[in-house]
Amino acid sequence: MDIIKNINLDLDWKNVKTVYRREFANYFNTPIGYIFLGIFAILVNFLFFFITRFFDRGYSLQGMFDMLKLIYLAFIPVITMRLWAEERRSGTVELLLTLPYSEVELILGKYLSALVFLGLSLATTLFLPILAFYVGAPDFMVLIGSYLGAWLSGSAYIAMGLYISWLTRDQITAFLLSFLACLFIYLLGYQPVLQFFGPMKELLGFLSVSWHSDSLSAGLLDTRDLLYYLSFSALFLYLNKVSIQKFRRGH
């Protein structure tokens, strides 16, 4: 109950919106944001045809979503590494924390900016399902479930990456730590790795982000998967809040 009370402290959505606008604009204040989107689109759209043999496999899009799991391992750390690390490096975090914003408002604003950027990135892949519907007849519910799983997986990784970004003042360090953390969570759902854990493999698999996205990709909307993503994201957002509170008390 104490955790729930802490999470509900001082939430003004106007403040969240202000932080969100600032952070989202930062992606495009330099060409970096456009470069990230371009690289993501090229990796997913063009490599998809060469690696998964789209036309030879009945116009299946499953290969694209399998590729996304691997691309996320580097892409999510890239879009989260600067969210706190740059503030701490430049010293603007002290100024930011003097503003009349609660920790939750600051965290949600940054978190939502990364979520929207992820949504834009996924939108660059819509050419592929449009093509699939033009040349074949993919299962619509499976497609919706796959995109939902991809977005929820990204949201979980973003929450973790945001927290890790707070832990360091260096963006490269934040990237490397986030990459390793994402890789660890991904490998928990990788069957060749799970085979080494015998009776523990089911539990470890359940803790993996990719394990739950596989369920959604099959067109199965299970509340347990939704609760997993919600709990995973909430845990790291809460840890971020606690860390900021400790920082404020120390200053």
Protein backbone atom coordinates (compact mmCIF):
# COMPACT_ATOMS: atom_id res chain seq x y z
CA MET A 1 0.00 0.00 0.00
CA ASP A 2 2.88 2.38 0.69
CA ILE A 3 4.12 1.92 -2.88
CA ILE A 4 0.68 2.76 -4.28
CA LYS A 5 0.46 5.89 -2.12
CA ASN A 6 3.88 7.04 -3.29
CA ILE A 7 3.01 6.53 -6.95
CA ASN A 8 -0.16 8.61 -6.64
CA LEU A 9 1.58 11.71 -5.22
CA ASP A 10 1.06 15.06 -6.95
CA LEU A 11 0.18 14.20 -10.54
CA ASP A 12 -0.79 17.17 -12.70
CA TRP A 13 -1.18 16.16 -16.34
CA LYS A 14 -0.44 19.72 -17.48
CA ASN A 15 3.04 19.36 -16.02
CA VAL A 16 3.42 15.93 -17.60
CA LYS A 17 2.45 17.43 -20.95
CA THR A 18 5.01 20.22 -20.57
CA VAL A 19 7.82 17.77 -19.82
CA TYR A 20 6.66 15.49 -22.63
CA ARG A 21 6.74 18.30 -25.20
CA ARG A 22 10.23 19.34 -24.13
CA GLU A 23 11.60 15.81 -24.28
CA PHE A 24 9.91 14.86 -27.53
CA ALA A 25 11.18 18.05 -29.19
CA ASN A 26 14.70 17.12 -28.09
CA TYR A 27 14.59 14.10 -30.39
CA PHE A 28 14.21 16.40 -33.39
CA ASN A 29 16.13 19.52 -32.34
CA THR A 30 19.06 17.92 -34.15
CA PRO A 31 19.09 15.49 -37.10
CA ILE A 32 19.73 12.60 -34.68
CA GLY A 33 16.05 11.79 -34.24
CA TYR A 34 15.48 11.64 -38.00
CA ILE A 35 18.60 9.50 -38.40
CA PHE A 36 17.36 7.04 -35.76
CA LEU A 37 13.99 6.78 -37.51
CA GLY A 38 15.67 6.31 -40.88
CA ILE A 39 18.00 3.59 -39.62
CA PHE A 40 15.11 1.80 -37.91
CA ALA A 41 12.99 1.93 -41.08
CA ILE A 42 15.85 0.63 -43.24
CA LEU A 43 16.70 -2.20 -40.86
CA VAL A 44 13.12 -3.40 -40.56
CA ASN A 45 11.72 -2.77 -44.05
CA PHE A 46 14.65 -3.59 -46.30
CA LEU A 47 16.51 -6.25 -44.35
CA PHE A 48 13.19 -7.98 -43.73
CA PHE A 49 12.91 -8.93 -47.39
CA PHE A 50 16.46 -10.28 -47.61
CA ILE A 51 16.58 -12.15 -44.29
CA THR A 52 13.06 -13.56 -43.91
CA ARG A 53 12.28 -14.24 -47.60
CA PHE A 54 8.86 -12.60 -47.37
CA PHE A 55 7.65 -13.71 -50.81
CA ASP A 56 8.88 -17.29 -50.36
CA ARG A 57 7.12 -17.83 -47.03
CA GLY A 58 3.52 -17.06 -47.88
CA TYR A 59 3.79 -13.31 -47.18
CA SER A 60 4.17 -13.95 -43.45
CA LEU A 61 5.06 -10.97 -41.27
CA GLN A 62 6.23 -13.06 -38.33
CA GLY A 63 9.82 -12.63 -39.44
CA MET A 64 9.49 -8.86 -39.09
CA PHE A 65 8.35 -9.10 -35.49
CA ASP A 66 11.12 -11.59 -34.73
CA MET A 67 13.59 -9.06 -36.15
CA LEU A 68 12.10 -6.32 -33.98
CA LYS A 69 13.00 -8.27 -30.84
CA LEU A 70 16.66 -8.16 -31.84
CA ILE A 71 16.59 -4.58 -33.14
CA TYR A 72 15.05 -3.42 -29.85
CA LEU A 73 18.13 -4.61 -27.96
CA ALA A 74 20.08 -1.67 -29.42
CA PHE A 75 17.32 0.69 -30.54
CA ILE A 76 15.60 1.11 -27.17
CA PRO A 77 18.87 1.91 -25.34
CA VAL A 78 19.61 4.48 -28.06
CA ILE A 79 16.35 6.36 -27.51
CA THR A 80 16.53 6.23 -23.69
CA MET A 81 20.24 6.78 -23.02
CA ARG A 82 20.06 10.59 -23.00
CA LEU A 83 16.76 11.03 -21.12
CA TRP A 84 18.41 11.42 -17.69
CA ALA A 85 22.12 10.91 -18.35
CA GLU A 86 22.42 14.10 -20.40
CA GLU A 87 20.53 16.09 -17.75
CA ARG A 88 22.94 14.85 -15.10
CA ARG A 89 26.05 15.42 -17.24
CA SER A 90 25.13 19.00 -18.11
CA GLY A 91 23.92 19.84 -14.61
CA THR A 92 20.42 20.77 -15.78
CA VAL A 93 18.92 18.05 -13.60
CA GLU A 94 19.40 20.25 -10.52
CA LEU A 95 17.52 23.07 -12.24
CA LEU A 96 14.83 20.69 -13.44
CA LEU A 97 14.25 19.38 -9.93
CA THR A 98 13.75 22.92 -8.58
CA LEU A 99 10.71 23.36 -10.82
CA PRO A 100 7.26 22.75 -9.29
CA TYR A 101 7.04 19.28 -10.82
CA SER A 102 6.76 16.04 -8.89
CA GLU A 103 9.04 13.10 -9.59
CA VAL A 104 6.12 11.23 -11.18
CA GLU A 105 5.38 14.10 -13.56
CA LEU A 106 9.00 14.32 -14.69
CA ILE A 107 9.28 10.57 -15.17
CA LEU A 108 5.98 10.21 -17.03
CA GLY A 109 6.80 13.13 -19.32
CA LYS A 110 10.10 11.57 -20.33
CA TYR A 111 8.59 8.08 -20.54
CA LEU A 112 5.72 9.20 -22.79
CA SER A 113 8.09 11.06 -25.12
CA ALA A 114 10.05 7.85 -25.70
CA LEU A 115 6.82 5.85 -26.13
CA VAL A 116 5.58 8.22 -28.82
CA PHE A 117 8.97 8.10 -30.56
CA LEU A 118 8.72 4.30 -30.49
CA GLY A 119 5.22 4.55 -31.96
CA LEU A 120 6.55 6.69 -34.81
CA SER A 121 9.28 4.13 -35.40
CA LEU A 122 6.77 1.29 -35.61
CA ALA A 123 4.66 3.39 -37.98
CA THR A 124 7.54 3.29 -40.48
CA THR A 125 6.92 -0.47 -40.81
CA LEU A 126 3.27 -0.15 -41.87
CA PHE A 127 4.29 -0.51 -45.51
CA LEU A 128 4.86 -4.21 -44.86
CA PRO A 129 1.37 -5.16 -43.59
CA ILE A 130 -0.17 -3.02 -46.35
CA LEU A 131 1.86 -5.00 -48.87
CA ALA A 132 0.90 -8.26 -47.16
CA PHE A 133 -2.80 -7.45 -47.47
CA TYR A 134 -2.30 -6.48 -51.10
CA VAL A 135 -0.60 -9.73 -52.13
CA GLY A 136 -2.14 -12.12 -49.60
CA ALA A 137 -4.59 -12.47 -46.73
CA PRO A 138 -2.83 -12.24 -43.35
CA ASP A 139 -4.78 -12.82 -40.15
CA PHE A 140 -5.88 -9.36 -39.00
CA MET A 141 -6.09 -10.26 -35.29
CA VAL A 142 -2.64 -11.84 -35.37
CA LEU A 143 -1.29 -8.67 -36.98
CA ILE A 144 -2.93 -6.45 -34.34
CA GLY A 145 -1.64 -8.70 -31.56
CA SER A 146 1.87 -8.64 -33.03
CA TYR A 147 1.97 -4.84 -33.17
CA LEU A 148 0.51 -4.60 -29.67
CA GLY A 149 3.15 -7.03 -28.42
CA ALA A 150 5.90 -5.05 -30.15
CA TRP A 151 4.72 -1.78 -28.62
CA LEU A 152 4.26 -3.23 -25.13
CA SER A 153 7.68 -4.91 -25.28
CA GLY A 154 9.19 -1.59 -26.27
CA SER A 155 7.35 0.19 -23.45
CA ALA A 156 8.79 -2.25 -20.90
CA TYR A 157 12.33 -1.84 -22.23
CA ILE A 158 11.89 1.95 -22.26
CA ALA A 159 10.88 2.00 -18.58
CA MET A 160 14.00 -0.01 -17.74
CA GLY A 161 16.22 2.14 -19.98
CA LEU A 162 14.85 5.33 -18.43
CA TYR A 163 15.76 4.10 -14.96
CA ILE A 164 19.22 3.02 -16.06
CA SER A 165 19.78 6.42 -17.69
CA TRP A 166 19.26 7.99 -14.26
CA LEU A 167 22.04 5.87 -12.78
CA THR A 168 24.83 7.43 -14.86
CA ARG A 169 26.00 10.78 -16.21
CA ASP A 170 27.36 9.31 -19.43
CA GLN A 171 25.12 8.45 -22.39
CA ILE A 172 27.43 5.72 -23.71
CA THR A 173 27.48 4.04 -20.31
CA ALA A 174 23.69 4.30 -20.17
CA PHE A 175 23.48 2.73 -23.62
CA LEU A 176 25.77 -0.18 -22.73
CA LEU A 177 24.04 -0.91 -19.43
CA SER A 178 20.60 -0.75 -21.05
CA PHE A 179 21.75 -2.98 -23.90
CA LEU A 180 23.04 -5.60 -21.47
CA ALA A 181 19.85 -5.41 -19.39
CA CYS A 182 17.64 -5.77 -22.48
CA LEU A 183 19.78 -8.65 -23.72
CA PHE A 184 19.45 -10.43 -20.37
CA ILE A 185 15.66 -10.06 -20.34
CA TYR A 186 15.50 -11.20 -23.97
CA LEU A 187 17.62 -14.31 -23.32
CA LEU A 188 15.29 -15.36 -20.52
CA GLY A 189 12.75 -16.17 -23.23
CA TYR A 190 15.21 -17.72 -25.69
CA GLN A 191 14.54 -21.46 -25.82
CA PRO A 192 18.14 -22.66 -26.45
CA VAL A 193 19.18 -20.80 -23.28
CA LEU A 194 16.19 -21.96 -21.22
CA GLN A 195 17.02 -25.60 -21.86
CA PHE A 196 19.93 -25.29 -19.43
CA PHE A 197 17.64 -24.40 -16.53
CA GLY A 198 15.50 -27.55 -16.47
CA PRO A 199 12.46 -27.14 -14.19
CA MET A 200 13.14 -23.41 -13.82
CA LYS A 201 12.73 -22.68 -17.52
CA GLU A 202 8.98 -22.00 -17.33
CA LEU A 203 9.42 -19.43 -14.58
CA LEU A 204 12.37 -17.75 -16.27
CA GLY A 205 10.53 -17.71 -19.58
CA PHE A 206 7.57 -16.00 -17.93
CA LEU A 207 9.89 -13.22 -16.75
CA SER A 208 11.01 -12.50 -20.32
CA VAL A 209 9.54 -9.64 -22.34
CA SER A 210 9.76 -11.64 -25.57
CA TRP A 211 7.89 -14.63 -24.07
CA HIS A 212 4.78 -12.50 -23.58
CA SER A 213 5.05 -10.84 -26.98
CA ASP A 214 5.07 -14.31 -28.57
CA SER A 215 1.69 -14.98 -26.98
CA LEU A 216 0.26 -11.73 -28.34
CA SER A 217 1.79 -12.42 -31.76
CA ALA A 218 -0.27 -15.60 -31.90
CA GLY A 219 -3.41 -13.47 -31.64
CA LEU A 220 -4.02 -14.46 -28.00
CA LEU A 221 -5.00 -11.49 -25.83
CA ASP A 222 -4.29 -12.75 -22.31
CA THR A 223 -4.74 -10.42 -19.33
CA ARG A 224 -1.67 -12.06 -17.75
CA ASP A 225 0.48 -10.68 -20.56
CA LEU A 226 -0.98 -7.20 -20.14
CA LEU A 227 -0.47 -7.35 -16.37
CA TYR A 228 3.11 -8.46 -16.90
CA TYR A 229 3.94 -5.47 -19.09
CA LEU A 230 2.14 -3.09 -16.74
CA SER A 231 3.95 -4.51 -13.71
CA PHE A 232 7.36 -4.56 -15.43
CA SER A 233 7.06 -0.93 -16.53
CA ALA A 234 5.60 0.23 -13.21
CA LEU A 235 8.45 -1.42 -11.28
CA PHE A 236 11.19 0.47 -13.12
CA LEU A 237 9.25 3.75 -13.14
CA TYR A 238 8.84 3.37 -9.39
CA LEU A 239 12.56 2.62 -8.93
CA ASN A 240 13.27 5.77 -10.95
CA LYS A 241 11.00 7.76 -8.65
CA VAL A 242 12.70 6.44 -5.52
CA SER A 243 16.14 7.25 -6.97
CA ILE A 244 15.13 10.84 -7.75
CA GLN A 245 13.71 11.27 -4.25
CA LYS A 246 17.01 10.11 -2.73
CA PHE A 247 18.90 12.51 -5.01
CA ARG A 248 16.66 15.40 -3.95
CA ARG A 249 17.15 14.63 -0.27
CA GLY A 250 20.91 14.58 -0.79
CA HIS A 251 20.83 18.04 -2.36
